[in-house]
Amino acid sequence: MIRPLNENVNYIDRIALIINKFSIKESVNIPIDLPLFDDGYLDSLNALNVIEELESEFNLRFEMEDLTAENFGSIEQINQFLHSKLQKA
């Protein structure tokens, strides 16, 4: 179950688990600011799996305009985007 939203909560650990689940590279600790696509952890195919898993985990639907490098480029960017999206929900 998703914890209630508050500005002090971050979802980095949950996001990192999802990224690791679908990552091309094996890694235990991906730095939160690491460029996931540029450094070869995600590609377009497994990114779809990540997006689907994030939607399920956080009970969200992403729109096409949400699917940008600015929102999904790193674990930290995903975390910030999720906070923004959940505040609007």
PDB file of N, CA and C in Angstrom:
ATOM      1  N   MET A   1       0.837  -1.187   0.000  1.00  0.00           N
ATOM      2  CA  MET A   1       0.000   0.000   0.000  1.00  0.00           C
ATOM      3  C   MET A   1       0.882   1.250   0.000  1.00  0.00           C
ATOM      4  N   ILE A   2       0.457   2.252  -0.701  1.00  0.00           N
ATOM      5  CA  ILE A   2       1.205   3.498  -0.816  1.00  0.00           C
ATOM      6  C   ILE A   2       1.042   4.308   0.464  1.00  0.00           C
ATOM      7  N   ARG A   3       2.162   4.811   0.953  1.00  0.00           N
ATOM      8  CA  ARG A   3       2.118   5.689   2.119  1.00  0.00           C
ATOM      9  C   ARG A   3       1.459   6.997   1.726  1.00  0.00           C
ATOM     10  N   PRO A   4       0.808   7.650   2.682  1.00  0.00           N
ATOM     11  CA  PRO A   4       0.228   8.972   2.371  1.00  0.00           C
ATOM     12  C   PRO A   4       1.314   9.927   1.894  1.00  0.00           C
ATOM     13  N   LEU A   5       0.941  10.785   0.978  1.00  0.00           N
ATOM     14  CA  LEU A   5       1.887  11.753   0.430  1.00  0.00           C
ATOM     15  C   LEU A   5       2.173  12.850   1.444  1.00  0.00           C
ATOM     16  N   ASN A   6       3.407  13.120   1.639  1.00  0.00           N
ATOM     17  CA  ASN A   6       3.819  14.323   2.351  1.00  0.00           C
ATOM     18  C   ASN A   6       5.197  14.673   1.835  1.00  0.00           C
ATOM     19  N   GLU A   7       5.545  15.937   1.934  1.00  0.00           N
ATOM     20  CA  GLU A   7       6.774  16.384   1.276  1.00  0.00           C
ATOM     21  C   GLU A   7       8.040  15.756   1.829  1.00  0.00           C
ATOM     22  N   ASN A   8       7.980  15.169   3.017  1.00  0.00           N
ATOM     23  CA  ASN A   8       9.163  14.550   3.601  1.00  0.00           C
ATOM     24  C   ASN A   8       9.356  13.097   3.173  1.00  0.00           C
ATOM     25  N   VAL A   9       8.367  12.538   2.538  1.00  0.00           N
ATOM     26  CA  VAL A   9       8.452  11.151   2.097  1.00  0.00           C
ATOM     27  C   VAL A   9       9.116  11.113   0.731  1.00  0.00           C
ATOM     28  N   ASN A  10      10.034  10.167   0.546  1.00  0.00           N
ATOM     29  CA  ASN A  10      10.522   9.948  -0.809  1.00  0.00           C
ATOM     30  C   ASN A  10      10.359   8.481  -1.134  1.00  0.00           C
ATOM     31  N   TYR A  11      10.254   8.223  -2.381  1.00  0.00           N
ATOM     32  CA  TYR A  11       9.987   6.874  -2.854  1.00  0.00           C
ATOM     33  C   TYR A  11      11.206   6.260  -3.516  1.00  0.00           C
ATOM     34  N   ILE A  12      12.377   6.787  -3.220  1.00  0.00           N
ATOM     35  CA  ILE A  12      13.599   6.381  -3.902  1.00  0.00           C
ATOM     36  C   ILE A  12      13.862   4.885  -3.774  1.00  0.00           C
ATOM     37  N   ASP A  13      13.701   4.314  -2.590  1.00  0.00           N
ATOM     38  CA  ASP A  13      13.966   2.885  -2.420  1.00  0.00           C
ATOM     39  C   ASP A  13      13.034   2.039  -3.276  1.00  0.00           C
ATOM     40  N   ARG A  14      11.769   2.409  -3.321  1.00  0.00           N
ATOM     41  CA  ARG A  14      10.806   1.655  -4.124  1.00  0.00           C
ATOM     42  C   ARG A  14      11.099   1.802  -5.614  1.00  0.00           C
ATOM     43  N   ILE A  15      11.450   3.003  -6.033  1.00  0.00           N
ATOM     44  CA  ILE A  15      11.801   3.244  -7.435  1.00  0.00           C
ATOM     45  C   ILE A  15      13.047   2.450  -7.793  1.00  0.00           C
ATOM     46  N   ALA A  16      14.054   2.471  -6.929  1.00  0.00           N
ATOM     47  CA  ALA A  16      15.307   1.757  -7.190  1.00  0.00           C
ATOM     48  C   ALA A  16      15.059   0.260  -7.336  1.00  0.00           C
ATOM     49  N   LEU A  17      14.168  -0.303  -6.526  1.00  0.00           N
ATOM     50  CA  LEU A  17      13.840  -1.728  -6.657  1.00  0.00           C
ATOM     51  C   LEU A  17      13.224  -2.038  -8.015  1.00  0.00           C
ATOM     52  N   ILE A  18      12.347  -1.160  -8.473  1.00  0.00           N
ATOM     53  CA  ILE A  18      11.721  -1.348  -9.785  1.00  0.00           C
ATOM     54  C   ILE A  18      12.760  -1.229 -10.895  1.00  0.00           C
ATOM     55  N   ILE A  19      13.615  -0.223 -10.810  1.00  0.00           N
ATOM     56  CA  ILE A  19      14.668  -0.061 -11.821  1.00  0.00           C
ATOM     57  C   ILE A  19      15.561  -1.294 -11.852  1.00  0.00           C
ATOM     58  N   ASN A  20      15.979  -1.768 -10.682  1.00  0.00           N
ATOM     59  CA  ASN A  20      16.832  -2.962 -10.615  1.00  0.00           C
ATOM     60  C   ASN A  20      16.144  -4.183 -11.199  1.00  0.00           C
ATOM     61  N   LYS A  21      14.864  -4.290 -11.002  1.00  0.00           N
ATOM     62  CA  LYS A  21      14.101  -5.436 -11.510  1.00  0.00           C
ATOM     63  C   LYS A  21      14.176  -5.527 -13.040  1.00  0.00           C
ATOM     64  N   PHE A  22      14.158  -4.370 -13.703  1.00  0.00           N
ATOM     65  CA  PHE A  22      14.114  -4.348 -15.166  1.00  0.00           C
ATOM     66  C   PHE A  22      15.412  -3.862 -15.824  1.00  0.00           C
ATOM     67  N   SER A  23      16.413  -3.578 -15.029  1.00  0.00           N
ATOM     68  CA  SER A  23      17.660  -3.032 -15.540  1.00  0.00           C
ATOM     69  C   SER A  23      18.386  -4.024 -16.459  1.00  0.00           C
ATOM     70  N   ILE A  24      19.028  -3.483 -17.485  1.00  0.00           N
ATOM     71  CA  ILE A  24      19.863  -4.278 -18.382  1.00  0.00           C
ATOM     72  C   ILE A  24      21.127  -4.715 -17.653  1.00  0.00           C
ATOM     73  N   LYS A  25      21.701  -3.800 -16.872  1.00  0.00           N
ATOM     74  CA  LYS A  25      22.919  -4.083 -16.109  1.00  0.00           C
ATOM     75  C   LYS A  25      22.541  -4.583 -14.721  1.00  0.00           C
ATOM     76  N   GLU A  26      23.357  -5.483 -14.210  1.00  0.00           N
ATOM     77  CA  GLU A  26      23.164  -5.917 -12.830  1.00  0.00           C
ATOM     78  C   GLU A  26      23.804  -4.894 -11.910  1.00  0.00           C
ATOM     79  N   SER A  27      23.039  -4.457 -10.942  1.00  0.00           N
ATOM     80  CA  SER A  27      23.556  -3.479  -9.985  1.00  0.00           C
ATOM     81  C   SER A  27      22.740  -3.549  -8.716  1.00  0.00           C
ATOM     82  N   VAL A  28      23.411  -3.415  -7.602  1.00  0.00           N
ATOM     83  CA  VAL A  28      22.717  -3.405  -6.325  1.00  0.00           C
ATOM     84  C   VAL A  28      22.354  -1.979  -5.939  1.00  0.00           C
ATOM     85  N   ASN A  29      23.279  -1.072  -6.136  1.00  0.00           N
ATOM     86  CA  ASN A  29      23.069   0.317  -5.724  1.00  0.00           C
ATOM     87  C   ASN A  29      23.326   1.269  -6.887  1.00  0.00           C
ATOM     88  N   ILE A  30      22.273   1.625  -7.577  1.00  0.00           N
ATOM     89  CA  ILE A  30      22.389   2.596  -8.657  1.00  0.00           C
ATOM     90  C   ILE A  30      22.326   3.985  -8.025  1.00  0.00           C
ATOM     91  N   PRO A  31      23.325   4.832  -8.260  1.00  0.00           N
ATOM     92  CA  PRO A  31      23.257   6.200  -7.720  1.00  0.00           C
ATOM     93  C   PRO A  31      21.997   6.899  -8.209  1.00  0.00           C
ATOM     94  N   ILE A  32      21.366   7.663  -7.315  1.00  0.00           N
ATOM     95  CA  ILE A  32      20.067   8.250  -7.654  1.00  0.00           C
ATOM     96  C   ILE A  32      20.154   9.301  -8.755  1.00  0.00           C
ATOM     97  N   ASP A  33      21.333   9.851  -8.994  1.00  0.00           N
ATOM     98  CA  ASP A  33      21.474  10.867 -10.040  1.00  0.00           C
ATOM     99  C   ASP A  33      22.084  10.311 -11.328  1.00  0.00           C
ATOM    100  N   LEU A  34      22.299   9.006 -11.383  1.00  0.00           N
ATOM    101  CA  LEU A  34      22.894   8.378 -12.563  1.00  0.00           C
ATOM    102  C   LEU A  34      21.920   8.414 -13.745  1.00  0.00           C
ATOM    103  N   PRO A  35      22.383   8.833 -14.919  1.00  0.00           N
ATOM    104  CA  PRO A  35      21.511   8.823 -16.108  1.00  0.00           C
ATOM    105  C   PRO A  35      21.208   7.381 -16.525  1.00  0.00           C
ATOM    106  N   LEU A  36      19.990   6.948 -16.296  1.00  0.00           N
ATOM    107  CA  LEU A  36      19.619   5.544 -16.494  1.00  0.00           C
ATOM    108  C   LEU A  36      19.742   5.091 -17.944  1.00  0.00           C
ATOM    109  N   PHE A  37      19.404   5.951 -18.883  1.00  0.00           N
ATOM    110  CA  PHE A  37      19.471   5.576 -20.292  1.00  0.00           C
ATOM    111  C   PHE A  37      20.890   5.733 -20.834  1.00  0.00           C
ATOM    112  N   ASP A  38      21.516   6.852 -20.533  1.00  0.00           N
ATOM    113  CA  ASP A  38      22.865   7.120 -21.038  1.00  0.00           C
ATOM    114  C   ASP A  38      23.887   6.120 -20.516  1.00  0.00           C
ATOM    115  N   ASP A  39      23.699   5.648 -19.296  1.00  0.00           N
ATOM    116  CA  ASP A  39      24.644   4.698 -18.708  1.00  0.00           C
ATOM    117  C   ASP A  39      24.245   3.239 -18.931  1.00  0.00           C
ATOM    118  N   GLY A  40      23.202   3.022 -19.737  1.00  0.00           N
ATOM    119  CA  GLY A  40      22.856   1.669 -20.163  1.00  0.00           C
ATOM    120  C   GLY A  40      22.074   0.823 -19.170  1.00  0.00           C
ATOM    121  N   TYR A  41      21.440   1.438 -18.189  1.00  0.00           N
ATOM    122  CA  TYR A  41      20.623   0.665 -17.254  1.00  0.00           C
ATOM    123  C   TYR A  41      19.234   0.406 -17.815  1.00  0.00           C
ATOM    124  N   LEU A  42      18.728   1.339 -18.617  1.00  0.00           N
ATOM    125  CA  LEU A  42      17.417   1.171 -19.248  1.00  0.00           C
ATOM    126  C   LEU A  42      17.525   1.442 -20.735  1.00  0.00           C
ATOM    127  N   ASP A  43      16.674   0.776 -21.483  1.00  0.00           N
ATOM    128  CA  ASP A  43      16.468   1.111 -22.886  1.00  0.00           C
ATOM    129  C   ASP A  43      14.970   1.271 -23.092  1.00  0.00           C
ATOM    130  N   SER A  44      14.555   1.565 -24.307  1.00  0.00           N
ATOM    131  CA  SER A  44      13.144   1.862 -24.545  1.00  0.00           C
ATOM    132  C   SER A  44      12.228   0.681 -24.222  1.00  0.00           C
ATOM    133  N   LEU A  45      12.697  -0.525 -24.433  1.00  0.00           N
ATOM    134  CA  LEU A  45      11.848  -1.691 -24.167  1.00  0.00           C
ATOM    135  C   LEU A  45      11.638  -1.942 -22.680  1.00  0.00           C
ATOM    136  N   ASN A  46      12.712  -1.958 -21.914  1.00  0.00           N
ATOM    137  CA  ASN A  46      12.502  -2.220 -20.493  1.00  0.00           C
ATOM    138  C   ASN A  46      11.983  -0.981 -19.764  1.00  0.00           C
ATOM    139  N   ALA A  47      12.121   0.189 -20.357  1.00  0.00           N
ATOM    140  CA  ALA A  47      11.518   1.389 -19.772  1.00  0.00           C
ATOM    141  C   ALA A  47       9.998   1.255 -19.732  1.00  0.00           C
ATOM    142  N   LEU A  48       9.426   0.610 -20.734  1.00  0.00           N
ATOM    143  CA  LEU A  48       7.974   0.380 -20.732  1.00  0.00           C
ATOM    144  C   LEU A  48       7.567  -0.481 -19.542  1.00  0.00           C
ATOM    145  N   ASN A  49       8.378  -1.476 -19.223  1.00  0.00           N
ATOM    146  CA  ASN A  49       8.097  -2.310 -18.050  1.00  0.00           C
ATOM    147  C   ASN A  49       8.196  -1.496 -16.766  1.00  0.00           C
ATOM    148  N   VAL A  50       9.190  -0.631 -16.692  1.00  0.00           N
ATOM    149  CA  VAL A  50       9.356   0.231 -15.518  1.00  0.00           C
ATOM    150  C   VAL A  50       8.139   1.135 -15.365  1.00  0.00           C
ATOM    151  N   ILE A  51       7.712   1.736 -16.449  1.00  0.00           N
ATOM    152  CA  ILE A  51       6.564   2.644 -16.410  1.00  0.00           C
ATOM    153  C   ILE A  51       5.313   1.898 -15.959  1.00  0.00           C
ATOM    154  N   GLU A  52       5.087   0.732 -16.509  1.00  0.00           N
ATOM    155  CA  GLU A  52       3.930  -0.070 -16.120  1.00  0.00           C
ATOM    156  C   GLU A  52       3.980  -0.432 -14.630  1.00  0.00           C
ATOM    157  N   GLU A  53       5.147  -0.807 -14.160  1.00  0.00           N
ATOM    158  CA  GLU A  53       5.320  -1.165 -12.750  1.00  0.00           C
ATOM    159  C   GLU A  53       5.120   0.054 -11.838  1.00  0.00           C
ATOM    160  N   LEU A  54       5.630   1.205 -12.240  1.00  0.00           N
ATOM    161  CA  LEU A  54       5.423   2.423 -11.459  1.00  0.00           C
ATOM    162  C   LEU A  54       3.942   2.783 -11.400  1.00  0.00           C
ATOM    163  N   GLU A  55       3.250   2.658 -12.512  1.00  0.00           N
ATOM    164  CA  GLU A  55       1.812   2.939 -12.530  1.00  0.00           C
ATOM    165  C   GLU A  55       1.075   2.029 -11.554  1.00  0.00           C
ATOM    166  N   SER A  56       1.441   0.768 -11.555  1.00  0.00           N
ATOM    167  CA  SER A  56       0.804  -0.188 -10.657  1.00  0.00           C
ATOM    168  C   SER A  56       1.167   0.084  -9.196  1.00  0.00           C
ATOM    169  N   GLU A  57       2.433   0.283  -8.927  1.00  0.00           N
ATOM    170  CA  GLU A  57       2.925   0.496  -7.559  1.00  0.00           C
ATOM    171  C   GLU A  57       2.330   1.747  -6.920  1.00  0.00           C
ATOM    172  N   PHE A  58       2.212   2.821  -7.704  1.00  0.00           N
ATOM    173  CA  PHE A  58       1.768   4.100  -7.162  1.00  0.00           C
ATOM    174  C   PHE A  58       0.333   4.447  -7.562  1.00  0.00           C
ATOM    175  N   ASN A  59      -0.355   3.494  -8.200  1.00  0.00           N
ATOM    176  CA  ASN A  59      -1.756   3.673  -8.589  1.00  0.00           C
ATOM    177  C   ASN A  59      -1.957   4.962  -9.401  1.00  0.00           C
ATOM    178  N   LEU A  60      -1.151   5.072 -10.459  1.00  0.00           N
ATOM    179  CA  LEU A  60      -1.170   6.248 -11.331  1.00  0.00           C
ATOM    180  C   LEU A  60      -1.349   5.824 -12.775  1.00  0.00           C
ATOM    181  N   ARG A  61      -1.715   6.782 -13.611  1.00  0.00           N
ATOM    182  CA  ARG A  61      -1.680   6.611 -15.062  1.00  0.00           C
ATOM    183  C   ARG A  61      -0.821   7.738 -15.608  1.00  0.00           C
ATOM    184  N   PHE A  62       0.171   7.381 -16.405  1.00  0.00           N
ATOM    185  CA  PHE A  62       1.013   8.387 -17.041  1.00  0.00           C
ATOM    186  C   PHE A  62       0.452   8.704 -18.414  1.00  0.00           C
ATOM    187  N   GLU A  63       0.498   9.977 -18.755  1.00  0.00           N
ATOM    188  CA  GLU A  63       0.089  10.439 -20.079  1.00  0.00           C
ATOM    189  C   GLU A  63       1.327  10.457 -20.976  1.00  0.00           C
ATOM    190  N   MET A  64       1.111  10.490 -22.274  1.00  0.00           N
ATOM    191  CA  MET A  64       2.235  10.512 -23.213  1.00  0.00           C
ATOM    192  C   MET A  64       3.182  11.679 -22.923  1.00  0.00           C
ATOM    193  N   GLU A  65       2.625  12.836 -22.588  1.00  0.00           N
ATOM    194  CA  GLU A  65       3.470  13.997 -22.329  1.00  0.00           C
ATOM    195  C   GLU A  65       4.297  13.853 -21.049  1.00  0.00           C
ATOM    196  N   ASP A  66       3.933  12.906 -20.188  1.00  0.00           N
ATOM    197  CA  ASP A  66       4.710  12.638 -18.975  1.00  0.00           C
ATOM    198  C   ASP A  66       6.000  11.867 -19.270  1.00  0.00           C
ATOM    199  N   LEU A  67       6.030  11.146 -20.370  1.00  0.00           N
ATOM    200  CA  LEU A  67       7.122  10.211 -20.665  1.00  0.00           C
ATOM    201  C   LEU A  67       8.290  10.928 -21.335  1.00  0.00           C
ATOM    202  N   THR A  68       9.025  11.669 -20.521  1.00  0.00           N
ATOM    203  CA  THR A  68      10.156  12.451 -21.029  1.00  0.00           C
ATOM    204  C   THR A  68      11.432  12.093 -20.267  1.00  0.00           C
ATOM    205  N   ALA A  69      12.554  12.441 -20.850  1.00  0.00           N
ATOM    206  CA  ALA A  69      13.844  12.226 -20.184  1.00  0.00           C
ATOM    207  C   ALA A  69      13.938  13.049 -18.902  1.00  0.00           C
ATOM    208  N   GLU A  70      13.280  14.196 -18.872  1.00  0.00           N
ATOM    209  CA  GLU A  70      13.299  15.023 -17.669  1.00  0.00           C
ATOM    210  C   GLU A  70      12.586  14.332 -16.506  1.00  0.00           C
ATOM    211  N   ASN A  71      11.589  13.528 -16.791  1.00  0.00           N
ATOM    212  CA  ASN A  71      10.834  12.836 -15.740  1.00  0.00           C
ATOM    213  C   ASN A  71      11.400  11.461 -15.406  1.00  0.00           C
ATOM    214  N   PHE A  72      12.061  10.823 -16.359  1.00  0.00           N
ATOM    215  CA  PHE A  72      12.487   9.437 -16.175  1.00  0.00           C
ATOM    216  C   PHE A  72      13.973   9.219 -16.405  1.00  0.00           C
ATOM    217  N   GLY A  73      14.767  10.273 -16.363  1.00  0.00           N
ATOM    218  CA  GLY A  73      16.191  10.167 -16.658  1.00  0.00           C
ATOM    219  C   GLY A  73      17.030   9.539 -15.564  1.00  0.00           C
ATOM    220  N   SER A  74      16.596   9.678 -14.315  1.00  0.00           N
ATOM    221  CA  SER A  74      17.344   9.128 -13.182  1.00  0.00           C
ATOM    222  C   SER A  74      16.344   8.759 -12.081  1.00  0.00           C
ATOM    223  N   ILE A  75      16.807   8.050 -11.099  1.00  0.00           N
ATOM    224  CA  ILE A  75      15.936   7.686  -9.977  1.00  0.00           C
ATOM    225  C   ILE A  75      15.441   8.947  -9.283  1.00  0.00           C
ATOM    226  N   GLU A  76      16.305   9.917  -9.090  1.00  0.00           N
ATOM    227  CA  GLU A  76      15.897  11.170  -8.443  1.00  0.00           C
ATOM    228  C   GLU A  76      14.848  11.911  -9.267  1.00  0.00           C
ATOM    229  N   GLN A  77      15.017  11.947 -10.582  1.00  0.00           N
ATOM    230  CA  GLN A  77      14.034  12.614 -11.435  1.00  0.00           C
ATOM    231  C   GLN A  77      12.683  11.897 -11.374  1.00  0.00           C
ATOM    232  N   ILE A  78      12.704  10.584 -11.334  1.00  0.00           N
ATOM    233  CA  ILE A  78      11.453   9.823 -11.207  1.00  0.00           C
ATOM    234  C   ILE A  78      10.800  10.145  -9.865  1.00  0.00           C
ATOM    235  N   ASN A  79      11.595  10.192  -8.809  1.00  0.00           N
ATOM    236  CA  ASN A  79      11.083  10.521  -7.480  1.00  0.00           C
ATOM    237  C   ASN A  79      10.403  11.899  -7.477  1.00  0.00           C
ATOM    238  N   GLN A  80      11.057  12.888  -8.040  1.00  0.00           N
ATOM    239  CA  GLN A  80      10.484  14.236  -8.093  1.00  0.00           C
ATOM    240  C   GLN A  80       9.211  14.254  -8.922  1.00  0.00           C
ATOM    241  N   PHE A  81       9.237  13.551 -10.046  1.00  0.00           N
ATOM    242  CA  PHE A  81       8.057  13.494 -10.911  1.00  0.00           C
ATOM    243  C   PHE A  81       6.888  12.818 -10.191  1.00  0.00           C
ATOM    244  N   LEU A  82       7.149  11.716  -9.492  1.00  0.00           N
ATOM    245  CA  LEU A  82       6.078  11.028  -8.771  1.00  0.00           C
ATOM    246  C   LEU A  82       5.466  11.929  -7.703  1.00  0.00           C
ATOM    247  N   HIS A  83       6.300  12.660  -6.980  1.00  0.00           N
ATOM    248  CA  HIS A  83       5.755  13.596  -5.984  1.00  0.00           C
ATOM    249  C   HIS A  83       4.839  14.614  -6.650  1.00  0.00           C
ATOM    250  N   SER A  84       5.271  15.143  -7.771  1.00  0.00           N
ATOM    251  CA  SER A  84       4.462  16.122  -8.495  1.00  0.00           C
ATOM    252  C   SER A  84       3.143  15.503  -8.956  1.00  0.00           C
ATOM    253  N   LYS A  85       3.227  14.331  -9.519  1.00  0.00           N
ATOM    254  CA  LYS A  85       2.041  13.636 -10.048  1.00  0.00           C
ATOM    255  C   LYS A  85       1.074  13.262  -8.916  1.00  0.00           C
ATOM    256  N   LEU A  86       1.596  12.778  -7.801  1.00  0.00           N
ATOM    257  CA  LEU A  86       0.750  12.363  -6.695  1.00  0.00           C
ATOM    258  C   LEU A  86       0.085  13.559  -6.007  1.00  0.00           C
ATOM    259  N   GLN A  87       0.737  14.714  -6.025  1.00  0.00           N
ATOM    260  CA  GLN A  87       0.125  15.911  -5.442  1.00  0.00           C
ATOM    261  C   GLN A  87      -1.090  16.353  -6.241  1.00  0.00           C
ATOM    262  N   LYS A  88      -1.063  16.081  -7.548  1.00  0.00           N
ATOM    263  CA  LYS A  88      -2.176  16.464  -8.429  1.00  0.00           C
ATOM    264  C   LYS A  88      -3.312  15.457  -8.370  1.00  0.00           C
ATOM    265  N   ALA A  89      -3.007  14.231  -7.921  1.00  0.00           N
ATOM    266  CA  ALA A  89      -4.024  13.171  -7.915  1.00  0.00           C
ATOM    267  C   ALA A  89      -5.014  13.348  -6.786  1.00  0.00           C
TER     268      ALA A  89
END
